């Protein structure tokens, strides 16, 4: 949080961020801050690019292959290296996982892009 940010309605400095919204607990006002700062814009543009283990840019609908055996949380199974992931979707980070896709026999799964390579 930047020190100069205040609630636009009551000017309180006791604000917090919840996802993309900023919330003031004193007056209950919620807002999306404007990003007029060029540094903030470059950070969001950098974050929007998702790359695989080899540095190739991934996009929605791509197919990728796992480059490492991965344990599946909540299951006793393991996804083997070379397993194909179809219908890739770029998602906002969910527990450090930034892509989602479908694997035959397992269904939908969230993955980290650093463990896949583009086909």
N, C-alpha and C. Protein backbone atom coordinates (compact mmCIF):
# COMPACT_ATOMS: atom_id res chain seq x y z
N UNK A 1 0.85 -1.18 0.00
CA UNK A 1 0.00 0.00 0.00
C UNK A 1 0.89 1.23 0.00
N UNK A 2 0.55 2.17 -0.80
CA UNK A 2 1.28 3.43 -0.85
C UNK A 2 0.85 4.31 0.31
N UNK A 3 1.81 5.06 0.85
CA UNK A 3 1.53 5.89 2.02
C UNK A 3 0.57 7.03 1.70
N UNK A 4 0.56 7.52 0.45
CA UNK A 4 -0.29 8.66 0.12
C UNK A 4 -1.73 8.26 -0.19
N UNK A 5 -2.03 6.96 -0.24
CA UNK A 5 -3.39 6.54 -0.56
C UNK A 5 -4.32 6.71 0.63
N UNK A 6 -5.47 7.27 0.35
CA UNK A 6 -6.49 7.50 1.36
C UNK A 6 -7.84 7.15 0.77
N UNK A 7 -8.81 6.98 1.63
CA UNK A 7 -10.18 6.74 1.19
C UNK A 7 -10.69 7.99 0.49
N UNK A 8 -11.22 7.86 -0.75
CA UNK A 8 -11.73 9.04 -1.45
C UNK A 8 -12.97 9.65 -0.82
N UNK A 9 -13.65 8.89 0.03
CA UNK A 9 -14.89 9.41 0.62
C UNK A 9 -14.65 10.08 1.97
N UNK A 10 -13.88 9.43 2.85
CA UNK A 10 -13.69 10.01 4.19
C UNK A 10 -12.25 10.40 4.50
N UNK A 11 -11.32 10.16 3.55
CA UNK A 11 -9.91 10.50 3.68
C UNK A 11 -9.18 9.74 4.78
N UNK A 12 -9.69 8.59 5.16
CA UNK A 12 -9.03 7.76 6.16
C UNK A 12 -7.82 7.06 5.54
N UNK A 13 -6.77 6.89 6.33
CA UNK A 13 -5.59 6.19 5.85
C UNK A 13 -5.65 4.69 6.18
N UNK A 14 -6.64 4.29 6.96
CA UNK A 14 -6.82 2.89 7.35
C UNK A 14 -7.60 2.16 6.26
N UNK A 15 -6.94 1.87 5.13
CA UNK A 15 -7.59 1.18 4.03
C UNK A 15 -6.84 -0.12 3.76
N UNK A 16 -7.51 -1.05 3.10
CA UNK A 16 -6.85 -2.31 2.73
C UNK A 16 -7.36 -2.77 1.38
N UNK A 17 -6.56 -3.67 0.77
CA UNK A 17 -6.88 -4.17 -0.56
C UNK A 17 -7.47 -5.57 -0.45
N UNK A 18 -8.55 -5.81 -1.20
CA UNK A 18 -9.17 -7.11 -1.28
C UNK A 18 -9.34 -7.44 -2.76
N UNK A 19 -8.40 -8.20 -3.31
CA UNK A 19 -8.41 -8.46 -4.74
C UNK A 19 -8.05 -7.20 -5.49
N UNK A 20 -8.91 -6.76 -6.39
CA UNK A 20 -8.65 -5.53 -7.13
C UNK A 20 -9.33 -4.32 -6.49
N UNK A 21 -10.09 -4.54 -5.43
CA UNK A 21 -10.80 -3.45 -4.76
C UNK A 21 -10.03 -2.96 -3.55
N UNK A 22 -10.17 -1.67 -3.26
CA UNK A 22 -9.69 -1.08 -2.01
C UNK A 22 -10.91 -0.82 -1.15
N UNK A 23 -10.77 -1.08 0.15
CA UNK A 23 -11.90 -0.98 1.07
C UNK A 23 -11.51 -0.13 2.27
N UNK A 24 -12.42 0.75 2.67
CA UNK A 24 -12.24 1.56 3.88
C UNK A 24 -13.11 0.96 4.97
N UNK A 25 -12.52 0.46 6.06
CA UNK A 25 -13.31 -0.15 7.13
C UNK A 25 -14.08 0.88 7.96
N UNK A 26 -13.68 2.14 7.89
CA UNK A 26 -14.34 3.16 8.69
C UNK A 26 -15.68 3.60 8.10
N UNK A 27 -15.73 3.80 6.77
CA UNK A 27 -16.99 4.24 6.17
C UNK A 27 -17.62 3.18 5.28
N UNK A 28 -16.89 2.08 5.00
CA UNK A 28 -17.43 0.99 4.19
C UNK A 28 -17.36 1.23 2.69
N UNK A 29 -16.68 2.27 2.26
CA UNK A 29 -16.59 2.60 0.84
C UNK A 29 -15.63 1.64 0.14
N UNK A 30 -15.98 1.19 -1.08
CA UNK A 30 -15.14 0.32 -1.90
C UNK A 30 -14.88 0.99 -3.23
N UNK A 31 -13.63 0.90 -3.74
CA UNK A 31 -13.30 1.52 -5.01
C UNK A 31 -12.14 0.79 -5.67
N UNK A 32 -12.02 1.02 -6.99
CA UNK A 32 -10.90 0.53 -7.77
C UNK A 32 -10.00 1.73 -8.03
N UNK A 33 -8.75 1.68 -7.57
CA UNK A 33 -7.88 2.85 -7.75
C UNK A 33 -7.50 3.03 -9.22
N UNK A 34 -7.33 4.27 -9.62
CA UNK A 34 -6.88 4.55 -10.99
C UNK A 34 -5.38 4.35 -11.04
N UNK A 35 -4.89 3.75 -12.13
CA UNK A 35 -3.46 3.52 -12.27
C UNK A 35 -2.88 4.50 -13.28
N UNK A 36 -2.60 5.69 -12.80
CA UNK A 36 -2.03 6.71 -13.67
C UNK A 36 -0.51 6.65 -13.67
N UNK A 37 0.05 5.93 -12.74
CA UNK A 37 1.50 5.83 -12.65
C UNK A 37 2.02 4.87 -13.71
N UNK A 38 3.01 5.27 -14.51
CA UNK A 38 3.53 4.43 -15.58
C UNK A 38 4.19 3.18 -15.05
N UNK A 39 4.81 3.24 -13.88
CA UNK A 39 5.46 2.06 -13.30
C UNK A 39 4.42 1.00 -12.98
N UNK A 40 3.27 1.41 -12.46
CA UNK A 40 2.21 0.46 -12.16
C UNK A 40 1.70 -0.20 -13.43
N UNK A 41 1.57 0.57 -14.51
CA UNK A 41 1.09 0.04 -15.77
C UNK A 41 2.06 -0.97 -16.35
N UNK A 42 3.36 -0.72 -16.25
CA UNK A 42 4.33 -1.67 -16.79
C UNK A 42 4.35 -2.95 -15.98
N UNK A 43 4.15 -2.87 -14.67
CA UNK A 43 4.09 -4.08 -13.84
C UNK A 43 2.91 -4.94 -14.23
N UNK A 44 1.74 -4.35 -14.43
CA UNK A 44 0.58 -5.15 -14.79
C UNK A 44 0.72 -5.73 -16.18
N UNK A 45 1.37 -5.03 -17.10
CA UNK A 45 1.59 -5.58 -18.44
C UNK A 45 2.56 -6.74 -18.38
N UNK A 46 3.58 -6.66 -17.51
CA UNK A 46 4.53 -7.75 -17.36
C UNK A 46 3.86 -8.96 -16.74
N UNK A 47 3.00 -8.75 -15.76
CA UNK A 47 2.33 -9.84 -15.07
C UNK A 47 1.35 -10.56 -15.99
N UNK A 48 0.83 -9.88 -17.00
CA UNK A 48 -0.15 -10.47 -17.88
C UNK A 48 0.47 -11.51 -18.81
N UNK A 49 1.77 -11.47 -19.03
CA UNK A 49 2.45 -12.42 -19.90
C UNK A 49 2.84 -13.64 -19.08
N UNK A 50 2.36 -14.81 -19.53
CA UNK A 50 2.68 -16.07 -18.86
C UNK A 50 3.57 -16.87 -19.80
N UNK A 51 4.72 -17.31 -19.28
CA UNK A 51 5.68 -18.05 -20.10
C UNK A 51 5.87 -19.45 -19.55
N UNK A 52 6.19 -20.39 -20.46
CA UNK A 52 6.46 -21.76 -20.04
C UNK A 52 7.90 -21.89 -19.57
N UNK A 53 8.35 -23.11 -19.32
CA UNK A 53 9.70 -23.35 -18.80
C UNK A 53 10.78 -22.92 -19.78
N UNK A 54 10.48 -22.93 -21.08
CA UNK A 54 11.46 -22.54 -22.10
C UNK A 54 11.37 -21.07 -22.48
N UNK A 55 10.46 -20.32 -21.90
CA UNK A 55 10.32 -18.90 -22.19
C UNK A 55 9.33 -18.59 -23.29
N UNK A 56 8.61 -19.59 -23.79
CA UNK A 56 7.59 -19.35 -24.82
C UNK A 56 6.36 -18.76 -24.16
N UNK A 57 5.73 -17.80 -24.83
CA UNK A 57 4.54 -17.15 -24.29
C UNK A 57 3.34 -18.07 -24.47
N UNK A 58 2.60 -18.28 -23.39
CA UNK A 58 1.41 -19.13 -23.42
C UNK A 58 0.16 -18.26 -23.59
N UNK A 59 -0.83 -18.82 -24.26
CA UNK A 59 -2.10 -18.12 -24.44
C UNK A 59 -3.24 -19.11 -24.26
N UNK A 60 -4.45 -18.59 -24.11
CA UNK A 60 -5.63 -19.45 -23.93
C UNK A 60 -5.79 -20.39 -25.12
N UNK A 61 -6.12 -21.66 -24.83
CA UNK A 61 -6.36 -22.64 -25.86
C UNK A 61 -5.14 -23.45 -26.26
N UNK A 62 -3.96 -23.07 -25.81
CA UNK A 62 -2.74 -23.82 -26.14
C UNK A 62 -2.77 -25.21 -25.52
N UNK A 63 -1.93 -26.09 -26.04
CA UNK A 63 -1.69 -27.39 -25.43
C UNK A 63 -0.25 -27.40 -24.94
N UNK A 64 -0.05 -27.98 -23.77
CA UNK A 64 1.29 -28.04 -23.18
C UNK A 64 1.55 -29.45 -22.69
N UNK A 65 2.83 -29.73 -22.38
CA UNK A 65 3.25 -31.02 -21.87
C UNK A 65 3.98 -30.78 -20.55
N UNK A 66 3.75 -31.63 -19.56
CA UNK A 66 4.46 -31.53 -18.29
C UNK A 66 5.91 -31.91 -18.47
N UNK A 67 6.82 -31.20 -17.83
CA UNK A 67 8.25 -31.49 -17.94
C UNK A 67 8.79 -32.17 -16.68
N UNK A 68 7.90 -32.42 -15.73
CA UNK A 68 8.31 -32.97 -14.44
C UNK A 68 7.16 -33.77 -13.87
N UNK A 69 7.46 -34.85 -13.11
CA UNK A 69 6.41 -35.57 -12.40
C UNK A 69 5.87 -34.67 -11.30
N UNK A 70 4.54 -34.57 -11.21
CA UNK A 70 3.91 -33.69 -10.22
C UNK A 70 2.93 -34.48 -9.37
N UNK A 71 3.03 -34.31 -8.05
CA UNK A 71 2.05 -34.91 -7.15
C UNK A 71 0.79 -34.07 -7.19
N UNK A 72 -0.36 -34.73 -7.11
CA UNK A 72 -1.64 -34.05 -7.12
C UNK A 72 -2.13 -33.97 -5.68
N UNK A 73 -2.35 -32.75 -5.19
CA UNK A 73 -2.84 -32.59 -3.82
C UNK A 73 -4.24 -33.17 -3.70
N UNK A 74 -4.49 -33.86 -2.60
CA UNK A 74 -5.80 -34.45 -2.36
C UNK A 74 -6.00 -35.76 -3.08
N UNK A 75 -4.95 -36.28 -3.67
CA UNK A 75 -5.04 -37.53 -4.40
C UNK A 75 -3.75 -38.31 -4.17
N UNK A 76 -3.82 -39.61 -4.33
CA UNK A 76 -2.62 -40.42 -4.16
C UNK A 76 -1.87 -40.56 -5.48
N UNK A 77 -2.43 -39.99 -6.55
CA UNK A 77 -1.84 -40.12 -7.88
C UNK A 77 -0.76 -39.10 -8.17
N UNK A 78 -0.01 -39.39 -9.23
CA UNK A 78 1.04 -38.50 -9.70
C UNK A 78 0.86 -38.29 -11.19
N UNK A 79 1.04 -37.07 -11.63
CA UNK A 79 1.02 -36.78 -13.07
C UNK A 79 2.44 -36.96 -13.59
N UNK A 80 2.61 -37.79 -14.57
CA UNK A 80 3.93 -38.13 -15.09
C UNK A 80 4.43 -37.08 -16.08
N UNK A 81 5.72 -36.98 -16.18
CA UNK A 81 6.35 -36.11 -17.16
C UNK A 81 5.92 -36.56 -18.55
N UNK A 82 5.60 -35.62 -19.42
CA UNK A 82 5.15 -35.94 -20.77
C UNK A 82 3.64 -35.98 -20.92
N UNK A 83 2.90 -35.83 -19.81
CA UNK A 83 1.44 -35.80 -19.86
C UNK A 83 0.97 -34.54 -20.57
N UNK A 84 0.04 -34.69 -21.51
CA UNK A 84 -0.44 -33.56 -22.28
C UNK A 84 -1.60 -32.88 -21.55
N UNK A 85 -1.56 -31.55 -21.51
CA UNK A 85 -2.61 -30.74 -20.91
C UNK A 85 -3.27 -29.97 -22.05
N UNK A 86 -4.58 -30.17 -22.21
CA UNK A 86 -5.31 -29.53 -23.32
C UNK A 86 -6.16 -28.37 -22.82
N UNK A 87 -6.53 -27.49 -23.73
CA UNK A 87 -7.45 -26.39 -23.41
C UNK A 87 -6.92 -25.47 -22.34
N UNK A 88 -5.70 -25.04 -22.47
CA UNK A 88 -5.06 -24.19 -21.47
C UNK A 88 -5.82 -22.89 -21.29
N UNK A 89 -5.97 -22.46 -20.02
CA UNK A 89 -6.58 -21.17 -19.69
C UNK A 89 -5.63 -20.43 -18.76
N UNK A 90 -5.42 -19.16 -19.06
CA UNK A 90 -4.63 -18.32 -18.17
C UNK A 90 -5.56 -17.80 -17.09
N UNK A 91 -5.19 -17.98 -15.83
CA UNK A 91 -6.04 -17.57 -14.72
C UNK A 91 -5.25 -16.66 -13.80
N UNK A 92 -5.99 -15.85 -13.02
CA UNK A 92 -5.34 -15.10 -11.96
C UNK A 92 -4.78 -16.12 -10.99
N UNK A 93 -3.67 -15.78 -10.38
CA UNK A 93 -2.98 -16.75 -9.55
C UNK A 93 -3.88 -17.32 -8.46
N UNK A 94 -3.96 -18.65 -8.45
CA UNK A 94 -4.71 -19.39 -7.45
C UNK A 94 -3.68 -20.24 -6.72
N UNK A 95 -3.27 -19.82 -5.53
CA UNK A 95 -2.25 -20.51 -4.75
C UNK A 95 -0.99 -20.72 -5.58
N UNK A 96 -0.51 -19.67 -6.22
CA UNK A 96 0.70 -19.66 -7.06
C UNK A 96 0.55 -20.41 -8.37
N UNK A 97 -0.61 -20.91 -8.71
CA UNK A 97 -0.84 -21.58 -9.98
C UNK A 97 -1.45 -20.57 -10.94
N UNK A 98 -0.84 -20.42 -12.13
CA UNK A 98 -1.31 -19.37 -13.03
C UNK A 98 -1.91 -19.89 -14.33
N UNK A 99 -2.03 -21.20 -14.49
CA UNK A 99 -2.70 -21.76 -15.66
C UNK A 99 -3.63 -22.89 -15.22
N UNK A 100 -4.65 -23.15 -16.03
CA UNK A 100 -5.57 -24.25 -15.78
C UNK A 100 -5.77 -24.98 -17.09
N UNK A 101 -6.02 -26.27 -17.01
CA UNK A 101 -6.23 -27.06 -18.22
C UNK A 101 -6.91 -28.37 -17.88
N UNK A 102 -7.09 -29.20 -18.90
CA UNK A 102 -7.73 -30.50 -18.72
C UNK A 102 -6.75 -31.60 -19.08
N UNK A 103 -6.74 -32.63 -18.24
CA UNK A 103 -5.91 -33.81 -18.48
C UNK A 103 -6.84 -35.01 -18.56
N UNK A 104 -6.70 -35.79 -19.63
CA UNK A 104 -7.53 -36.99 -19.78
C UNK A 104 -7.33 -37.91 -18.59
N UNK A 105 -8.43 -38.33 -17.98
CA UNK A 105 -8.38 -39.21 -16.83
C UNK A 105 -8.33 -38.50 -15.49
N UNK A 106 -8.03 -37.21 -15.49
CA UNK A 106 -7.95 -36.44 -14.24
C UNK A 106 -8.93 -35.28 -14.20
N UNK A 107 -9.33 -34.75 -15.35
CA UNK A 107 -10.23 -33.61 -15.40
C UNK A 107 -9.48 -32.30 -15.34
N UNK A 108 -10.12 -31.26 -14.84
CA UNK A 108 -9.53 -29.93 -14.76
C UNK A 108 -8.50 -29.86 -13.65
N UNK A 109 -7.45 -29.10 -13.89
CA UNK A 109 -6.38 -29.00 -12.91
C UNK A 109 -5.68 -27.64 -13.06
N UNK A 110 -5.20 -27.10 -11.95
CA UNK A 110 -4.42 -25.87 -11.95
C UNK A 110 -2.94 -26.25 -11.90
N UNK A 111 -2.12 -25.52 -12.66
CA UNK A 111 -0.69 -25.81 -12.73
C UNK A 111 0.12 -24.52 -12.68
N UNK A 112 1.39 -24.67 -12.38
CA UNK A 112 2.33 -23.55 -12.48
C UNK A 112 2.97 -23.62 -13.86
N UNK A 113 3.10 -22.49 -14.51
CA UNK A 113 3.63 -22.47 -15.87
C UNK A 113 5.09 -22.91 -15.95
N UNK A 114 5.81 -22.87 -14.85
CA UNK A 114 7.22 -23.25 -14.87
C UNK A 114 7.42 -24.76 -15.02
N UNK A 115 6.35 -25.56 -14.91
CA UNK A 115 6.46 -27.00 -15.03
C UNK A 115 5.89 -27.54 -16.33
N UNK A 116 5.65 -26.67 -17.31
CA UNK A 116 5.10 -27.11 -18.59
C UNK A 116 5.91 -26.51 -19.73
N UNK A 117 5.80 -27.17 -20.90
CA UNK A 117 6.37 -26.58 -22.11
C UNK A 117 5.34 -26.66 -23.21
N UNK A 118 5.35 -25.66 -24.08
CA UNK A 118 4.37 -25.55 -25.16
C UNK A 118 4.62 -26.63 -26.20
N UNK A 119 3.55 -27.19 -26.74
CA UNK A 119 3.66 -28.22 -27.77
C UNK A 119 3.69 -27.58 -29.12
